[in-house]
N, C-alpha and C. Protein backbone atom coordinates (compact mmCIF):
# COMPACT_ATOMS: atom_id res chain seq x y z
N UNK A 1 20.91 -15.34 12.15
CA UNK A 1 20.30 -14.04 11.96
C UNK A 1 21.41 -12.98 11.68
N UNK A 2 21.27 -12.26 10.59
CA UNK A 2 22.24 -11.23 10.23
C UNK A 2 22.14 -10.05 11.14
N UNK A 3 23.33 -9.52 11.43
CA UNK A 3 23.37 -8.32 12.28
C UNK A 3 22.88 -7.11 11.48
N UNK A 4 22.28 -6.16 12.18
CA UNK A 4 21.87 -4.89 11.55
C UNK A 4 23.07 -4.07 11.14
N UNK A 5 23.10 -3.69 9.92
CA UNK A 5 24.16 -2.82 9.44
C UNK A 5 23.56 -1.53 8.93
N UNK A 6 23.84 -0.42 9.61
CA UNK A 6 23.23 0.83 9.15
C UNK A 6 23.76 1.23 7.80
N UNK A 7 22.91 1.93 7.04
CA UNK A 7 23.28 2.41 5.75
C UNK A 7 24.28 3.54 5.89
N UNK A 8 25.44 3.47 5.24
CA UNK A 8 26.40 4.55 5.34
C UNK A 8 25.80 5.86 4.86
N UNK A 9 26.24 6.97 5.45
CA UNK A 9 25.72 8.26 5.04
C UNK A 9 25.98 8.55 3.54
N UNK A 10 27.01 8.00 3.02
CA UNK A 10 27.32 8.21 1.59
C UNK A 10 26.23 7.61 0.70
N UNK A 11 25.42 6.70 1.24
CA UNK A 11 24.38 6.07 0.45
C UNK A 11 22.99 6.65 0.77
N UNK A 12 22.98 7.83 1.33
CA UNK A 12 21.74 8.49 1.68
C UNK A 12 21.66 9.85 0.96
N UNK A 13 20.42 10.29 0.84
CA UNK A 13 20.13 11.59 0.25
C UNK A 13 19.59 12.46 1.36
N UNK A 14 19.79 13.79 1.31
CA UNK A 14 19.20 14.65 2.31
C UNK A 14 17.70 14.60 2.26
N UNK A 15 17.09 14.58 3.45
CA UNK A 15 15.61 14.43 3.54
C UNK A 15 14.85 15.64 3.16
N UNK A 16 15.47 16.82 3.19
CA UNK A 16 14.75 18.11 2.95
C UNK A 16 13.90 18.16 1.70
N UNK A 17 14.40 17.83 0.54
CA UNK A 17 13.57 17.89 -0.66
C UNK A 17 12.42 16.93 -0.63
N UNK A 18 12.63 15.74 -0.10
CA UNK A 18 11.54 14.77 -0.02
C UNK A 18 10.47 15.22 0.97
N UNK A 19 10.87 15.61 2.15
CA UNK A 19 9.91 16.08 3.14
C UNK A 19 9.07 17.28 2.66
N UNK A 20 9.77 18.22 2.02
CA UNK A 20 9.08 19.42 1.53
C UNK A 20 8.07 19.00 0.43
N UNK A 21 8.40 18.07 -0.42
CA UNK A 21 7.51 17.67 -1.47
C UNK A 21 6.28 16.98 -0.87
N UNK A 22 6.50 16.12 0.14
CA UNK A 22 5.39 15.45 0.79
C UNK A 22 4.47 16.43 1.47
N UNK A 23 5.09 17.35 2.24
CA UNK A 23 4.26 18.34 2.94
C UNK A 23 3.49 19.23 2.00
N UNK A 24 4.09 19.62 0.86
CA UNK A 24 3.43 20.39 -0.15
C UNK A 24 2.25 19.60 -0.78
N UNK A 25 2.51 18.39 -1.11
CA UNK A 25 1.45 17.56 -1.73
C UNK A 25 0.27 17.37 -0.78
N UNK A 26 0.60 17.13 0.48
CA UNK A 26 -0.49 16.93 1.50
C UNK A 26 -1.29 18.19 1.61
N UNK A 27 -0.59 19.35 1.66
CA UNK A 27 -1.33 20.62 1.75
C UNK A 27 -2.13 20.93 0.56
N UNK A 28 -1.56 20.67 -0.63
CA UNK A 28 -2.30 20.90 -1.87
C UNK A 28 -3.57 20.08 -1.97
N UNK A 29 -3.50 18.87 -1.49
CA UNK A 29 -4.62 17.94 -1.60
C UNK A 29 -5.54 18.02 -0.43
N UNK A 30 -5.15 18.82 0.63
CA UNK A 30 -5.99 18.98 1.82
C UNK A 30 -6.16 17.69 2.62
N UNK A 31 -5.08 16.92 2.68
CA UNK A 31 -5.08 15.69 3.50
C UNK A 31 -3.82 15.69 4.40
N UNK A 32 -3.89 14.80 5.38
CA UNK A 32 -2.70 14.65 6.25
C UNK A 32 -1.63 13.84 5.52
N UNK A 33 -0.45 13.91 6.02
CA UNK A 33 0.66 13.11 5.45
C UNK A 33 0.33 11.63 5.58
N UNK A 34 -0.28 11.20 6.64
CA UNK A 34 -0.66 9.83 6.80
C UNK A 34 -1.68 9.42 5.76
N UNK A 35 -2.70 10.23 5.55
CA UNK A 35 -3.65 9.93 4.52
C UNK A 35 -3.06 9.88 3.15
N UNK A 36 -2.15 10.78 2.87
CA UNK A 36 -1.48 10.85 1.56
C UNK A 36 -0.62 9.62 1.27
N UNK A 37 0.18 9.22 2.29
CA UNK A 37 1.17 8.14 2.05
C UNK A 37 0.73 6.75 2.53
N UNK A 38 -0.31 6.68 3.29
CA UNK A 38 -0.67 5.36 3.81
C UNK A 38 0.29 4.96 4.95
N UNK A 39 0.02 3.83 5.56
CA UNK A 39 0.79 3.40 6.72
C UNK A 39 2.27 3.21 6.42
N UNK A 40 2.56 2.42 5.39
CA UNK A 40 3.93 2.12 5.03
C UNK A 40 4.67 3.41 4.64
N UNK A 41 4.04 4.24 3.84
CA UNK A 41 4.67 5.49 3.41
C UNK A 41 4.91 6.42 4.53
N UNK A 42 3.99 6.46 5.49
CA UNK A 42 4.14 7.27 6.71
C UNK A 42 5.35 6.87 7.49
N UNK A 43 5.60 5.54 7.57
CA UNK A 43 6.76 5.04 8.31
C UNK A 43 8.05 5.48 7.61
N UNK A 44 8.08 5.39 6.29
CA UNK A 44 9.25 5.83 5.54
C UNK A 44 9.50 7.32 5.76
N UNK A 45 8.42 8.10 5.72
CA UNK A 45 8.53 9.53 5.90
C UNK A 45 9.03 9.85 7.29
N UNK A 46 8.51 9.18 8.32
CA UNK A 46 8.95 9.40 9.70
C UNK A 46 10.44 9.07 9.89
N UNK A 47 10.87 8.00 9.33
CA UNK A 47 12.30 7.61 9.43
C UNK A 47 13.20 8.66 8.75
N UNK A 48 12.80 9.10 7.56
CA UNK A 48 13.59 10.12 6.90
C UNK A 48 13.62 11.42 7.67
N UNK A 49 12.48 11.83 8.23
CA UNK A 49 12.42 13.06 9.06
C UNK A 49 13.34 12.95 10.27
N UNK A 50 13.26 11.81 10.93
CA UNK A 50 14.06 11.65 12.17
C UNK A 50 15.58 11.58 11.84
N UNK A 51 15.93 10.95 10.74
CA UNK A 51 17.36 10.80 10.40
C UNK A 51 17.91 12.06 9.73
N UNK A 52 17.02 12.80 9.09
CA UNK A 52 17.52 13.97 8.32
C UNK A 52 18.08 13.56 6.98
N UNK A 53 17.95 12.27 6.65
CA UNK A 53 18.45 11.72 5.37
C UNK A 53 17.58 10.52 5.07
N UNK A 54 17.63 10.12 3.79
CA UNK A 54 16.81 8.95 3.35
C UNK A 54 17.59 8.07 2.42
N UNK A 55 17.36 6.81 2.50
CA UNK A 55 17.96 5.86 1.56
C UNK A 55 17.21 6.00 0.23
N UNK A 56 17.81 5.53 -0.83
CA UNK A 56 17.16 5.53 -2.12
C UNK A 56 15.85 4.72 -2.08
N UNK A 57 15.87 3.63 -1.31
CA UNK A 57 14.64 2.81 -1.20
C UNK A 57 13.52 3.60 -0.55
N UNK A 58 13.83 4.37 0.50
CA UNK A 58 12.82 5.23 1.15
C UNK A 58 12.29 6.26 0.16
N UNK A 59 13.21 6.90 -0.54
CA UNK A 59 12.83 7.94 -1.49
C UNK A 59 11.91 7.36 -2.58
N UNK A 60 12.33 6.23 -3.12
CA UNK A 60 11.51 5.58 -4.20
C UNK A 60 10.14 5.20 -3.67
N UNK A 61 10.06 4.64 -2.43
CA UNK A 61 8.80 4.25 -1.87
C UNK A 61 7.83 5.41 -1.74
N UNK A 62 8.33 6.53 -1.29
CA UNK A 62 7.48 7.70 -1.11
C UNK A 62 7.15 8.31 -2.45
N UNK A 63 8.12 8.38 -3.37
CA UNK A 63 7.81 8.94 -4.71
C UNK A 63 6.79 8.12 -5.43
N UNK A 64 6.81 6.81 -5.30
CA UNK A 64 5.80 5.95 -5.88
C UNK A 64 4.40 6.35 -5.46
N UNK A 65 4.28 6.65 -4.16
CA UNK A 65 2.98 7.03 -3.61
C UNK A 65 2.56 8.41 -4.06
N UNK A 66 3.52 9.28 -4.41
CA UNK A 66 3.19 10.61 -4.84
C UNK A 66 3.01 10.70 -6.39
N UNK A 67 3.47 9.68 -7.11
CA UNK A 67 3.35 9.68 -8.49
C UNK A 67 4.44 10.53 -9.18
N UNK A 68 5.63 10.55 -8.54
CA UNK A 68 6.76 11.28 -9.11
C UNK A 68 7.95 10.35 -9.16
N UNK A 69 9.06 10.87 -9.71
CA UNK A 69 10.27 10.07 -9.79
C UNK A 69 11.37 10.72 -8.92
N UNK A 70 12.20 9.96 -8.23
CA UNK A 70 13.20 10.56 -7.38
C UNK A 70 14.12 11.55 -8.12
N UNK A 71 14.32 11.37 -9.38
CA UNK A 71 15.13 12.32 -10.15
C UNK A 71 14.55 13.75 -10.13
N UNK A 72 13.22 13.79 -10.08
CA UNK A 72 12.56 15.10 -10.02
C UNK A 72 12.94 15.87 -8.74
N UNK A 73 13.28 15.15 -7.65
CA UNK A 73 13.62 15.79 -6.40
C UNK A 73 15.08 15.93 -6.23
N UNK A 74 15.90 15.02 -6.77
CA UNK A 74 17.32 14.98 -6.44
C UNK A 74 18.24 15.06 -7.65
N UNK A 75 17.70 15.03 -8.85
CA UNK A 75 18.54 15.17 -10.04
C UNK A 75 19.66 14.13 -10.07
N UNK A 76 20.85 14.52 -10.44
CA UNK A 76 21.95 13.60 -10.63
C UNK A 76 22.31 12.82 -9.34
N UNK A 77 22.04 13.39 -8.14
CA UNK A 77 22.33 12.67 -6.92
C UNK A 77 21.55 11.37 -6.83
N UNK A 78 20.34 11.36 -7.34
CA UNK A 78 19.54 10.15 -7.37
C UNK A 78 20.22 9.12 -8.26
N UNK A 79 20.64 9.52 -9.42
CA UNK A 79 21.26 8.57 -10.33
C UNK A 79 22.62 8.06 -9.80
N UNK A 80 23.31 8.88 -9.05
CA UNK A 80 24.59 8.41 -8.45
C UNK A 80 24.34 7.25 -7.52
N UNK A 81 23.25 7.29 -6.75
CA UNK A 81 22.95 6.24 -5.81
C UNK A 81 22.35 5.01 -6.46
N UNK A 82 21.62 5.23 -7.55
CA UNK A 82 20.95 4.13 -8.26
C UNK A 82 22.01 3.30 -8.95
């Protein structure tokens, strides 16, 4: 069994833009974050909120559920990690 290796901070994006986009989308649609993202998306959102940062995989997973692209939120920083 492989040991858990945390993702280095250099491979993370700040959670702020992602969290704000999710919160705005939920408000605009009149649904809860959980209803907007589903169970798996809610877990990704909660991890990003708790850590204050998100991996590219987390960002992509949430953006897929919102129908947007990570570049829309992070610009060149997204491409740097990709």
